Amino acid sequence: MEYPKPIMKITELEKLGYSREFLLNAFYDKNQTFAWKINPTAKNSLILFETAGLEEYRLKTIALQKQMRQRLARVM
């Protein structure tokens, strides 16, 4: 997927079709290195995403979901 900017706010990504739940899950993933708050000490600080890292995370998530579906199909 192509993004209009290399760094985007959570609200801009929602306009592109991402769910807020997916974006927050990505932000709170302890291994991620592509999202951050402008002011980490402020509760309602703006969250920014590096779009290249987000796309990589999205593709990995899709691959993991596919693997889990295949494993579940084998068990049943």
PDB file of N, CA and C in Angstrom:
ATOM      1  N   MET A   1       0.839  -1.173   0.000  1.00  0.00           N
ATOM      2  CA  MET A   1       0.000   0.000   0.000  1.00  0.00           C
ATOM      3  C   MET A   1       0.886   1.238   0.000  1.00  0.00           C
ATOM      4  N   GLU A   2       0.487   2.242  -0.731  1.00  0.00           N
ATOM      5  CA  GLU A   2       1.241   3.495  -0.764  1.00  0.00           C
ATOM      6  C   GLU A   2       0.589   4.511   0.153  1.00  0.00           C
ATOM      7  N   TYR A   3       1.429   5.235   0.855  1.00  0.00           N
ATOM      8  CA  TYR A   3       0.968   6.236   1.805  1.00  0.00           C
ATOM      9  C   TYR A   3       1.331   7.615   1.289  1.00  0.00           C
ATOM     10  N   PRO A   4       0.490   8.623   1.559  1.00  0.00           N
ATOM     11  CA  PRO A   4       0.785   9.974   1.070  1.00  0.00           C
ATOM     12  C   PRO A   4       1.975  10.638   1.760  1.00  0.00           C
ATOM     13  N   LYS A   5       2.282  10.224   3.002  1.00  0.00           N
ATOM     14  CA  LYS A   5       3.381  10.837   3.742  1.00  0.00           C
ATOM     15  C   LYS A   5       4.186   9.753   4.453  1.00  0.00           C
ATOM     16  N   PRO A   6       5.469  10.000   4.741  1.00  0.00           N
ATOM     17  CA  PRO A   6       6.280   8.998   5.441  1.00  0.00           C
ATOM     18  C   PRO A   6       5.943   8.880   6.931  1.00  0.00           C
ATOM     19  N   ILE A   7       5.402   9.938   7.533  1.00  0.00           N
ATOM     20  CA  ILE A   7       4.984   9.912   8.935  1.00  0.00           C
ATOM     21  C   ILE A   7       3.575  10.484   9.000  1.00  0.00           C
ATOM     22  N   MET A   8       2.679   9.700   9.637  1.00  0.00           N
ATOM     23  CA  MET A   8       1.271  10.102   9.661  1.00  0.00           C
ATOM     24  C   MET A   8       0.683   9.966  11.059  1.00  0.00           C
ATOM     25  N   LYS A   9      -0.341  10.784  11.334  1.00  0.00           N
ATOM     26  CA  LYS A   9      -1.068  10.720  12.599  1.00  0.00           C
ATOM     27  C   LYS A   9      -2.075   9.578  12.536  1.00  0.00           C
ATOM     28  N   ILE A  10      -2.513   9.143  13.695  1.00  0.00           N
ATOM     29  CA  ILE A  10      -3.469   8.051  13.792  1.00  0.00           C
ATOM     30  C   ILE A  10      -4.777   8.414  13.069  1.00  0.00           C
ATOM     31  N   THR A  11      -5.198   9.673  13.160  1.00  0.00           N
ATOM     32  CA  THR A  11      -6.439  10.087  12.510  1.00  0.00           C
ATOM     33  C   THR A  11      -6.318  10.054  10.985  1.00  0.00           C
ATOM     34  N   GLU A  12      -5.145  10.379  10.464  1.00  0.00           N
ATOM     35  CA  GLU A  12      -4.932  10.321   9.020  1.00  0.00           C
ATOM     36  C   GLU A  12      -4.974   8.878   8.523  1.00  0.00           C
ATOM     37  N   LEU A  13      -4.411   7.973   9.306  1.00  0.00           N
ATOM     38  CA  LEU A  13      -4.421   6.560   8.927  1.00  0.00           C
ATOM     39  C   LEU A  13      -5.828   5.977   8.996  1.00  0.00           C
ATOM     40  N   GLU A  14      -6.637   6.466   9.927  1.00  0.00           N
ATOM     41  CA  GLU A  14      -8.029   6.021  10.002  1.00  0.00           C
ATOM     42  C   GLU A  14      -8.787   6.419   8.739  1.00  0.00           C
ATOM     43  N   LYS A  15      -8.478   7.580   8.190  1.00  0.00           N
ATOM     44  CA  LYS A  15      -9.119   8.026   6.945  1.00  0.00           C
ATOM     45  C   LYS A  15      -8.732   7.141   5.767  1.00  0.00           C
ATOM     46  N   LEU A  16      -7.575   6.479   5.851  1.00  0.00           N
ATOM     47  CA  LEU A  16      -7.142   5.559   4.796  1.00  0.00           C
ATOM     48  C   LEU A  16      -7.780   4.181   4.939  1.00  0.00           C
ATOM     49  N   GLY A  17      -8.522   3.958   6.027  1.00  0.00           N
ATOM     50  CA  GLY A  17      -9.231   2.701   6.196  1.00  0.00           C
ATOM     51  C   GLY A  17      -8.751   1.813   7.324  1.00  0.00           C
ATOM     52  N   TYR A  18      -7.718   2.222   8.036  1.00  0.00           N
ATOM     53  CA  TYR A  18      -7.245   1.441   9.174  1.00  0.00           C
ATOM     54  C   TYR A  18      -8.204   1.626  10.345  1.00  0.00           C
ATOM     55  N   SER A  19      -8.423   0.563  11.091  1.00  0.00           N
ATOM     56  CA  SER A  19      -9.259   0.691  12.280  1.00  0.00           C
ATOM     57  C   SER A  19      -8.417   1.248  13.423  1.00  0.00           C
ATOM     58  N   ARG A  20      -9.068   1.987  14.305  1.00  0.00           N
ATOM     59  CA  ARG A  20      -8.374   2.555  15.461  1.00  0.00           C
ATOM     60  C   ARG A  20      -7.825   1.431  16.342  1.00  0.00           C
ATOM     61  N   GLU A  21      -8.572   0.330  16.445  1.00  0.00           N
ATOM     62  CA  GLU A  21      -8.148  -0.817  17.255  1.00  0.00           C
ATOM     63  C   GLU A  21      -6.836  -1.406  16.722  1.00  0.00           C
ATOM     64  N   PHE A  22      -6.743  -1.588  15.408  1.00  0.00           N
ATOM     65  CA  PHE A  22      -5.515  -2.128  14.811  1.00  0.00           C
ATOM     66  C   PHE A  22      -4.335  -1.197  15.080  1.00  0.00           C
ATOM     67  N   LEU A  23      -4.544   0.101  14.898  1.00  0.00           N
ATOM     68  CA  LEU A  23      -3.464   1.067  15.085  1.00  0.00           C
ATOM     69  C   LEU A  23      -3.006   1.125  16.542  1.00  0.00           C
ATOM     70  N   LEU A  24      -3.946   1.068  17.467  1.00  0.00           N
ATOM     71  CA  LEU A  24      -3.564   1.088  18.881  1.00  0.00           C
ATOM     72  C   LEU A  24      -2.871  -0.208  19.282  1.00  0.00           C
ATOM     73  N   ASN A  25      -3.318  -1.344  18.731  1.00  0.00           N
ATOM     74  CA  ASN A  25      -2.629  -2.609  18.993  1.00  0.00           C
ATOM     75  C   ASN A  25      -1.200  -2.549  18.475  1.00  0.00           C
ATOM     76  N   ALA A  26      -1.019  -1.972  17.299  1.00  0.00           N
ATOM     77  CA  ALA A  26       0.328  -1.824  16.740  1.00  0.00           C
ATOM     78  C   ALA A  26       1.169  -0.904  17.623  1.00  0.00           C
ATOM     79  N   PHE A  27       0.586   0.191  18.089  1.00  0.00           N
ATOM     80  CA  PHE A  27       1.319   1.140  18.927  1.00  0.00           C
ATOM     81  C   PHE A  27       1.759   0.499  20.240  1.00  0.00           C
ATOM     82  N   TYR A  28       0.877  -0.282  20.861  1.00  0.00           N
ATOM     83  CA  TYR A  28       1.189  -0.880  22.161  1.00  0.00           C
ATOM     84  C   TYR A  28       1.964  -2.192  22.061  1.00  0.00           C
ATOM     85  N   ASP A  29       2.241  -2.684  20.858  1.00  0.00           N
ATOM     86  CA  ASP A  29       3.060  -3.888  20.694  1.00  0.00           C
ATOM     87  C   ASP A  29       4.463  -3.572  21.228  1.00  0.00           C
ATOM     88  N   LYS A  30       4.934  -4.392  22.154  1.00  0.00           N
ATOM     89  CA  LYS A  30       6.207  -4.081  22.823  1.00  0.00           C
ATOM     90  C   LYS A  30       7.418  -4.182  21.888  1.00  0.00           C
ATOM     91  N   ASN A  31       7.291  -4.843  20.746  1.00  0.00           N
ATOM     92  CA  ASN A  31       8.419  -5.000  19.819  1.00  0.00           C
ATOM     93  C   ASN A  31       8.423  -3.983  18.680  1.00  0.00           C
ATOM     94  N   GLN A  32       7.436  -3.121  18.624  1.00  0.00           N
ATOM     95  CA  GLN A  32       7.363  -2.186  17.502  1.00  0.00           C
ATOM     96  C   GLN A  32       8.363  -1.049  17.666  1.00  0.00           C
ATOM     97  N   THR A  33       8.827  -0.525  16.527  1.00  0.00           N
ATOM     98  CA  THR A  33       9.778   0.586  16.540  1.00  0.00           C
ATOM     99  C   THR A  33       9.341   1.704  15.597  1.00  0.00           C
ATOM    100  N   PHE A  34       8.088   1.697  15.175  1.00  0.00           N
ATOM    101  CA  PHE A  34       7.622   2.625  14.142  1.00  0.00           C
ATOM    102  C   PHE A  34       6.555   3.605  14.614  1.00  0.00           C
ATOM    103  N   ALA A  35       6.141   3.541  15.885  1.00  0.00           N
ATOM    104  CA  ALA A  35       5.112   4.447  16.384  1.00  0.00           C
ATOM    105  C   ALA A  35       5.545   5.035  17.720  1.00  0.00           C
ATOM    106  N   TRP A  36       5.167   6.277  17.934  1.00  0.00           N
ATOM    107  CA  TRP A  36       5.561   6.945  19.169  1.00  0.00           C
ATOM    108  C   TRP A  36       4.593   8.089  19.456  1.00  0.00           C
ATOM    109  N   LYS A  37       4.593   8.517  20.716  1.00  0.00           N
ATOM    110  CA  LYS A  37       3.831   9.692  21.120  1.00  0.00           C
ATOM    111  C   LYS A  37       4.744  10.903  21.036  1.00  0.00           C
ATOM    112  N   ILE A  38       4.175  12.039  20.675  1.00  0.00           N
ATOM    113  CA  ILE A  38       4.962  13.272  20.632  1.00  0.00           C
ATOM    114  C   ILE A  38       5.462  13.611  22.028  1.00  0.00           C
ATOM    115  N   ASN A  39       4.585  13.465  23.030  1.00  0.00           N
ATOM    116  CA  ASN A  39       4.964  13.711  24.415  1.00  0.00           C
ATOM    117  C   ASN A  39       4.580  12.469  25.221  1.00  0.00           C
ATOM    118  N   PRO A  40       5.514  11.571  25.483  1.00  0.00           N
ATOM    119  CA  PRO A  40       5.195  10.317  26.170  1.00  0.00           C
ATOM    120  C   PRO A  40       4.616  10.488  27.574  1.00  0.00           C
ATOM    121  N   THR A  41       4.841  11.612  28.202  1.00  0.00           N
ATOM    122  CA  THR A  41       4.331  11.809  29.551  1.00  0.00           C
ATOM    123  C   THR A  41       2.870  12.271  29.562  1.00  0.00           C
ATOM    124  N   ALA A  42       2.374  12.763  28.440  1.00  0.00           N
ATOM    125  CA  ALA A  42       0.997  13.245  28.358  1.00  0.00           C
ATOM    126  C   ALA A  42       0.069  12.108  27.937  1.00  0.00           C
ATOM    127  N   LYS A  43      -1.020  11.948  28.654  1.00  0.00           N
ATOM    128  CA  LYS A  43      -1.953  10.854  28.394  1.00  0.00           C
ATOM    129  C   LYS A  43      -2.584  10.959  26.995  1.00  0.00           C
ATOM    130  N   ASN A  44      -2.963  12.151  26.597  1.00  0.00           N
ATOM    131  CA  ASN A  44      -3.653  12.343  25.319  1.00  0.00           C
ATOM    132  C   ASN A  44      -2.740  12.885  24.222  1.00  0.00           C
ATOM    133  N   SER A  45      -1.472  12.558  24.280  1.00  0.00           N
ATOM    134  CA  SER A  45      -0.513  13.045  23.297  1.00  0.00           C
ATOM    135  C   SER A  45      -0.780  12.420  21.929  1.00  0.00           C
ATOM    136  N   LEU A  46      -0.435  13.146  20.905  1.00  0.00           N
ATOM    137  CA  LEU A  46      -0.600  12.714  19.530  1.00  0.00           C
ATOM    138  C   LEU A  46       0.295  11.508  19.236  1.00  0.00           C
ATOM    139  N   ILE A  47      -0.269  10.480  18.581  1.00  0.00           N
ATOM    140  CA  ILE A  47       0.499   9.289  18.207  1.00  0.00           C
ATOM    141  C   ILE A  47       0.862   9.399  16.734  1.00  0.00           C
ATOM    142  N   LEU A  48       2.143   9.214  16.428  1.00  0.00           N
ATOM    143  CA  LEU A  48       2.638   9.256  15.051  1.00  0.00           C
ATOM    144  C   LEU A  48       3.122   7.879  14.637  1.00  0.00           C
ATOM    145  N   PHE A  49       2.980   7.574  13.347  1.00  0.00           N
ATOM    146  CA  PHE A  49       3.419   6.301  12.791  1.00  0.00           C
ATOM    147  C   PHE A  49       4.340   6.535  11.609  1.00  0.00           C
ATOM    148  N   GLU A  50       5.445   5.812  11.572  1.00  0.00           N
ATOM    149  CA  GLU A  50       6.295   5.777  10.390  1.00  0.00           C
ATOM    150  C   GLU A  50       5.625   4.778   9.448  1.00  0.00           C
ATOM    151  N   THR A  51       5.204   5.230   8.276  1.00  0.00           N
ATOM    152  CA  THR A  51       4.360   4.400   7.419  1.00  0.00           C
ATOM    153  C   THR A  51       5.086   3.176   6.858  1.00  0.00           C
ATOM    154  N   ALA A  52       6.379   3.265   6.629  1.00  0.00           N
ATOM    155  CA  ALA A  52       7.123   2.101   6.121  1.00  0.00           C
ATOM    156  C   ALA A  52       7.122   0.984   7.168  1.00  0.00           C
ATOM    157  N   GLY A  53       7.346   1.339   8.418  1.00  0.00           N
ATOM    158  CA  GLY A  53       7.323   0.358   9.495  1.00  0.00           C
ATOM    159  C   GLY A  53       5.932  -0.201   9.726  1.00  0.00           C
ATOM    160  N   LEU A  54       4.917   0.648   9.608  1.00  0.00           N
ATOM    161  CA  LEU A  54       3.536   0.194   9.776  1.00  0.00           C
ATOM    162  C   LEU A  54       3.159  -0.803   8.684  1.00  0.00           C
ATOM    163  N   GLU A  55       3.572  -0.545   7.472  1.00  0.00           N
ATOM    164  CA  GLU A  55       3.269  -1.468   6.373  1.00  0.00           C
ATOM    165  C   GLU A  55       3.936  -2.819   6.606  1.00  0.00           C
ATOM    166  N   GLU A  56       5.168  -2.814   7.069  1.00  0.00           N
ATOM    167  CA  GLU A  56       5.873  -4.056   7.398  1.00  0.00           C
ATOM    168  C   GLU A  56       5.131  -4.822   8.498  1.00  0.00           C
ATOM    169  N   TYR A  57       4.700  -4.114   9.523  1.00  0.00           N
ATOM    170  CA  TYR A  57       3.935  -4.716  10.628  1.00  0.00           C
ATOM    171  C   TYR A  57       2.620  -5.302  10.106  1.00  0.00           C
ATOM    172  N   ARG A  58       1.944  -4.565   9.240  1.00  0.00           N
ATOM    173  CA  ARG A  58       0.671  -5.021   8.684  1.00  0.00           C
ATOM    174  C   ARG A  58       0.851  -6.317   7.901  1.00  0.00           C
ATOM    175  N   LEU A  59       1.887  -6.387   7.085  1.00  0.00           N
ATOM    176  CA  LEU A  59       2.141  -7.592   6.296  1.00  0.00           C
ATOM    177  C   LEU A  59       2.503  -8.780   7.185  1.00  0.00           C
ATOM    178  N   LYS A  60       3.290  -8.543   8.226  1.00  0.00           N
ATOM    179  CA  LYS A  60       3.632  -9.615   9.175  1.00  0.00           C
ATOM    180  C   LYS A  60       2.387 -10.119   9.895  1.00  0.00           C
ATOM    181  N   THR A  61       1.509  -9.201  10.273  1.00  0.00           N
ATOM    182  CA  THR A  61       0.270  -9.565  10.960  1.00  0.00           C
ATOM    183  C   THR A  61      -0.606 -10.428  10.064  1.00  0.00           C
ATOM    184  N   ILE A  62      -0.706 -10.066   8.806  1.00  0.00           N
ATOM    185  CA  ILE A  62      -1.500 -10.849   7.854  1.00  0.00           C
ATOM    186  C   ILE A  62      -0.915 -12.248   7.702  1.00  0.00           C
ATOM    187  N   ALA A  63       0.406 -12.345   7.596  1.00  0.00           N
ATOM    188  CA  ALA A  63       1.059 -13.653   7.446  1.00  0.00           C
ATOM    189  C   ALA A  63       0.833 -14.526   8.682  1.00  0.00           C
ATOM    190  N   LEU A  64       0.929 -13.934   9.872  1.00  0.00           N
ATOM    191  CA  LEU A  64       0.701 -14.697  11.107  1.00  0.00           C
ATOM    192  C   LEU A  64      -0.745 -15.173  11.207  1.00  0.00           C
ATOM    193  N   GLN A  65      -1.689 -14.331  10.808  1.00  0.00           N
ATOM    194  CA  GLN A  65      -3.092 -14.731  10.837  1.00  0.00           C
ATOM    195  C   GLN A  65      -3.349 -15.887   9.871  1.00  0.00           C
ATOM    196  N   LYS A  66      -2.706 -15.824   8.728  1.00  0.00           N
ATOM    197  CA  LYS A  66      -2.847 -16.899   7.737  1.00  0.00           C
ATOM    198  C   LYS A  66      -2.300 -18.218   8.287  1.00  0.00           C
ATOM    199  N   GLN A  67      -1.137 -18.168   8.944  1.00  0.00           N
ATOM    200  CA  GLN A  67      -0.550 -19.361   9.546  1.00  0.00           C
ATOM    201  C   GLN A  67      -1.461 -19.948  10.615  1.00  0.00           C
ATOM    202  N   MET A  68      -2.042 -19.099  11.435  1.00  0.00           N
ATOM    203  CA  MET A  68      -2.927 -19.577  12.499  1.00  0.00           C
ATOM    204  C   MET A  68      -4.174 -20.239  11.919  1.00  0.00           C
ATOM    205  N   ARG A  69      -4.729 -19.670  10.847  1.00  0.00           N
ATOM    206  CA  ARG A  69      -5.895 -20.282  10.216  1.00  0.00           C
ATOM    207  C   ARG A  69      -5.550 -21.654   9.657  1.00  0.00           C
ATOM    208  N   GLN A  70      -4.357 -21.777   9.076  1.00  0.00           N
ATOM    209  CA  GLN A  70      -3.930 -23.062   8.527  1.00  0.00           C
ATOM    210  C   GLN A  70      -3.746 -24.082   9.643  1.00  0.00           C
ATOM    211  N   ARG A  71      -3.160 -23.680  10.750  1.00  0.00           N
ATOM    212  CA  ARG A  71      -2.958 -24.605  11.877  1.00  0.00           C
ATOM    213  C   ARG A  71      -4.297 -25.047  12.457  1.00  0.00           C
ATOM    214  N   LEU A  72      -5.230 -24.130  12.584  1.00  0.00           N
ATOM    215  CA  LEU A  72      -6.543 -24.471  13.102  1.00  0.00           C
ATOM    216  C   LEU A  72      -7.280 -25.421  12.159  1.00  0.00           C
ATOM    217  N   ALA A  73      -7.108 -25.243  10.864  1.00  0.00           N
ATOM    218  CA  ALA A  73      -7.754 -26.114   9.880  1.00  0.00           C
ATOM    219  C   ALA A  73      -7.207 -27.531   9.994  1.00  0.00           C
ATOM    220  N   ARG A  74      -5.920 -27.672  10.300  1.00  0.00           N
ATOM    221  CA  ARG A  74      -5.311 -29.001  10.437  1.00  0.00           C
ATOM    222  C   ARG A  74      -5.810 -29.722  11.687  1.00  0.00           C
ATOM    223  N   VAL A  75      -6.047 -28.969  12.744  1.00  0.00           N
ATOM    224  CA  VAL A  75      -6.482 -29.550  14.009  1.00  0.00           C
ATOM    225  C   VAL A  75      -7.908 -30.067  13.896  1.00  0.00           C
ATOM    226  N   MET A  76      -8.738 -29.369  13.212  1.00  0.00           N
ATOM    227  CA  MET A  76     -10.138 -29.770  13.095  1.00  0.00           C
ATOM    228  C   MET A  76     -10.241 -30.876  12.120  1.00  0.00           C
TER     229      MET A  76
END
